[in-house]
Amino acid sequence: MSTSTAQISAWGNGLALRLTKPMAKTAGVAEGSPVRVTVKPGRIVIETETEPTLDEMLAAFDPSKHGGEAMAGSAVGMEAFADGDA
């Protein structure tokens, strides 16, 4: 983690924060990268907005919460035909 000082500048009718190349590289962002901006009085937090990888999703999977049968009822529609329950 690194900390540096930057300056807010005018950009059109708004304000902008310029990231240096080393800052962008450390954060893993480039032009067009989606980010999440959280604003509180006296605080601005910018976080990269990335899709989780399959490994991350599998690591977060909790069988006690998400395991087991998803449908409590009997087969319906095409499921009934596939199981031979027609």
C-alpha atoms as a PDB file:
ATOM      1  CA  MET A   1       0.000   0.000   0.000  1.00  0.00           C
ATOM      2  CA  SER A   2       1.294   3.426  -0.837  1.00  0.00           C
ATOM      3  CA  THR A   3       0.148   6.909   0.035  1.00  0.00           C
ATOM      4  CA  SER A   4       0.749  10.037  -1.994  1.00  0.00           C
ATOM      5  CA  THR A   5      -0.589  13.553  -2.229  1.00  0.00           C
ATOM      6  CA  ALA A   6      -2.594  14.749  -5.229  1.00  0.00           C
ATOM      7  CA  GLN A   7      -4.557  17.846  -6.083  1.00  0.00           C
ATOM      8  CA  ILE A   8      -8.167  18.205  -7.194  1.00  0.00           C
ATOM      9  CA  SER A   9      -8.444  20.186 -10.445  1.00  0.00           C
ATOM     10  CA  ALA A  10     -11.303  21.780 -12.367  1.00  0.00           C
ATOM     11  CA  TRP A  11     -12.554  19.740 -15.318  1.00  0.00           C
ATOM     12  CA  GLY A  12     -15.456  21.241 -17.241  1.00  0.00           C
ATOM     13  CA  ASN A  13     -18.318  21.827 -14.802  1.00  0.00           C
ATOM     14  CA  GLY A  14     -16.890  19.304 -12.342  1.00  0.00           C
ATOM     15  CA  LEU A  15     -13.726  18.361 -10.531  1.00  0.00           C
ATOM     16  CA  ALA A  16     -11.123  15.715 -11.317  1.00  0.00           C
ATOM     17  CA  LEU A  17      -8.355  13.793  -9.604  1.00  0.00           C
ATOM     18  CA  ARG A  18      -5.371  12.867 -11.758  1.00  0.00           C
ATOM     19  CA  LEU A  19      -3.687   9.540 -11.073  1.00  0.00           C
ATOM     20  CA  THR A  20      -0.017   9.209 -11.957  1.00  0.00           C
ATOM     21  CA  LYS A  21       1.117   6.135 -13.914  1.00  0.00           C
ATOM     22  CA  PRO A  22       2.707   4.571 -10.816  1.00  0.00           C
ATOM     23  CA  MET A  23      -0.526   5.116  -8.842  1.00  0.00           C
ATOM     24  CA  ALA A  24      -2.646   3.553 -11.604  1.00  0.00           C
ATOM     25  CA  LYS A  25      -0.255   0.610 -11.979  1.00  0.00           C
ATOM     26  CA  THR A  26      -0.250  -0.072  -8.237  1.00  0.00           C
ATOM     27  CA  ALA A  27      -4.072   0.066  -8.156  1.00  0.00           C
ATOM     28  CA  GLY A  28      -4.360  -2.105 -11.273  1.00  0.00           C
ATOM     29  CA  VAL A  29      -6.418   0.401 -13.251  1.00  0.00           C
ATOM     30  CA  ALA A  30      -6.193   1.811 -16.757  1.00  0.00           C
ATOM     31  CA  GLU A  31      -8.282   4.148 -18.871  1.00  0.00           C
ATOM     32  CA  GLY A  32     -11.862   2.859 -18.887  1.00  0.00           C
ATOM     33  CA  SER A  33     -11.508   0.727 -15.736  1.00  0.00           C
ATOM     34  CA  PRO A  34     -14.770   0.618 -13.770  1.00  0.00           C
ATOM     35  CA  VAL A  35     -14.432   1.927 -10.214  1.00  0.00           C
ATOM     36  CA  ARG A  36     -16.715   2.328  -7.197  1.00  0.00           C
ATOM     37  CA  VAL A  37     -16.615   5.765  -5.532  1.00  0.00           C
ATOM     38  CA  THR A  38     -17.753   6.105  -1.920  1.00  0.00           C
ATOM     39  CA  VAL A  39     -18.108   9.625  -0.543  1.00  0.00           C
ATOM     40  CA  LYS A  40     -18.467  10.704   3.087  1.00  0.00           C
ATOM     41  CA  PRO A  41     -17.790  14.111   4.631  1.00  0.00           C
ATOM     42  CA  GLY A  42     -14.032  14.647   4.374  1.00  0.00           C
ATOM     43  CA  ARG A  43     -13.411  11.269   2.716  1.00  0.00           C
ATOM     44  CA  ILE A  44     -13.417   9.902  -0.862  1.00  0.00           C
ATOM     45  CA  VAL A  45     -12.674   6.211  -1.426  1.00  0.00           C
ATOM     46  CA  ILE A  46     -12.083   4.887  -4.951  1.00  0.00           C
ATOM     47  CA  GLU A  47     -12.034   1.098  -5.340  1.00  0.00           C
ATOM     48  CA  THR A  48     -11.654  -1.021  -8.445  1.00  0.00           C
ATOM     49  CA  GLU A  49     -14.879  -2.674  -9.531  1.00  0.00           C
ATOM     50  CA  THR A  50     -13.925  -6.105 -10.806  1.00  0.00           C
ATOM     51  CA  GLU A  51     -15.865  -9.277 -11.443  1.00  0.00           C
ATOM     52  CA  PRO A  52     -14.896 -12.057  -9.044  1.00  0.00           C
ATOM     53  CA  THR A  53     -12.955 -14.949 -10.556  1.00  0.00           C
ATOM     54  CA  LEU A  54     -14.317 -18.478 -10.464  1.00  0.00           C
ATOM     55  CA  ASP A  55     -11.726 -19.348  -7.808  1.00  0.00           C
ATOM     56  CA  GLU A  56     -12.898 -16.410  -5.653  1.00  0.00           C
ATOM     57  CA  MET A  57     -16.547 -17.426  -6.013  1.00  0.00           C
ATOM     58  CA  LEU A  58     -15.751 -21.047  -5.144  1.00  0.00           C
ATOM     59  CA  ALA A  59     -13.704 -19.941  -2.128  1.00  0.00           C
ATOM     60  CA  ALA A  60     -16.697 -17.897  -0.911  1.00  0.00           C
ATOM     61  CA  PHE A  61     -19.153 -20.798  -1.372  1.00  0.00           C
ATOM     62  CA  ASP A  62     -20.557 -22.028   1.945  1.00  0.00           C
ATOM     63  CA  PRO A  63     -22.267 -25.440   1.592  1.00  0.00           C
ATOM     64  CA  SER A  64     -24.150 -24.936   4.869  1.00  0.00           C
ATOM     65  CA  LYS A  65     -25.784 -21.822   3.388  1.00  0.00           C
ATOM     66  CA  HIS A  66     -26.025 -22.698  -0.285  1.00  0.00           C
ATOM     67  CA  GLY A  67     -25.834 -26.485  -0.503  1.00  0.00           C
ATOM     68  CA  GLY A  68     -28.684 -28.942  -0.868  1.00  0.00           C
ATOM     69  CA  GLU A  69     -31.722 -29.101  -3.078  1.00  0.00           C
ATOM     70  CA  ALA A  70     -32.840 -25.742  -4.470  1.00  0.00           C
ATOM     71  CA  MET A  71     -36.438 -26.817  -5.154  1.00  0.00           C
ATOM     72  CA  ALA A  72     -38.483 -28.434  -2.391  1.00  0.00           C
ATOM     73  CA  GLY A  73     -41.347 -29.460  -4.691  1.00  0.00           C
ATOM     74  CA  SER A  74     -41.646 -32.263  -7.201  1.00  0.00           C
ATOM     75  CA  ALA A  75     -40.545 -32.063 -10.826  1.00  0.00           C
ATOM     76  CA  VAL A  76     -42.710 -29.862 -13.065  1.00  0.00           C
ATOM     77  CA  GLY A  77     -42.852 -29.065 -16.777  1.00  0.00           C
ATOM     78  CA  MET A  78     -40.000 -30.500 -18.860  1.00  0.00           C
ATOM     79  CA  GLU A  79     -38.325 -31.755 -15.672  1.00  0.00           C
ATOM     80  CA  ALA A  80     -41.178 -34.228 -15.228  1.00  0.00           C
ATOM     81  CA  PHE A  81     -40.696 -35.566 -18.754  1.00  0.00           C
ATOM     82  CA  ALA A  82     -36.914 -35.855 -18.305  1.00  0.00           C
ATOM     83  CA  ASP A  83     -37.372 -37.909 -15.130  1.00  0.00           C
ATOM     84  CA  GLY A  84     -39.995 -40.144 -16.722  1.00  0.00           C
ATOM     85  CA  ASP A  85     -42.723 -38.850 -14.327  1.00  0.00           C
ATOM     86  CA  ALA A  86     -45.080 -37.921 -17.179  1.00  0.00           C
END
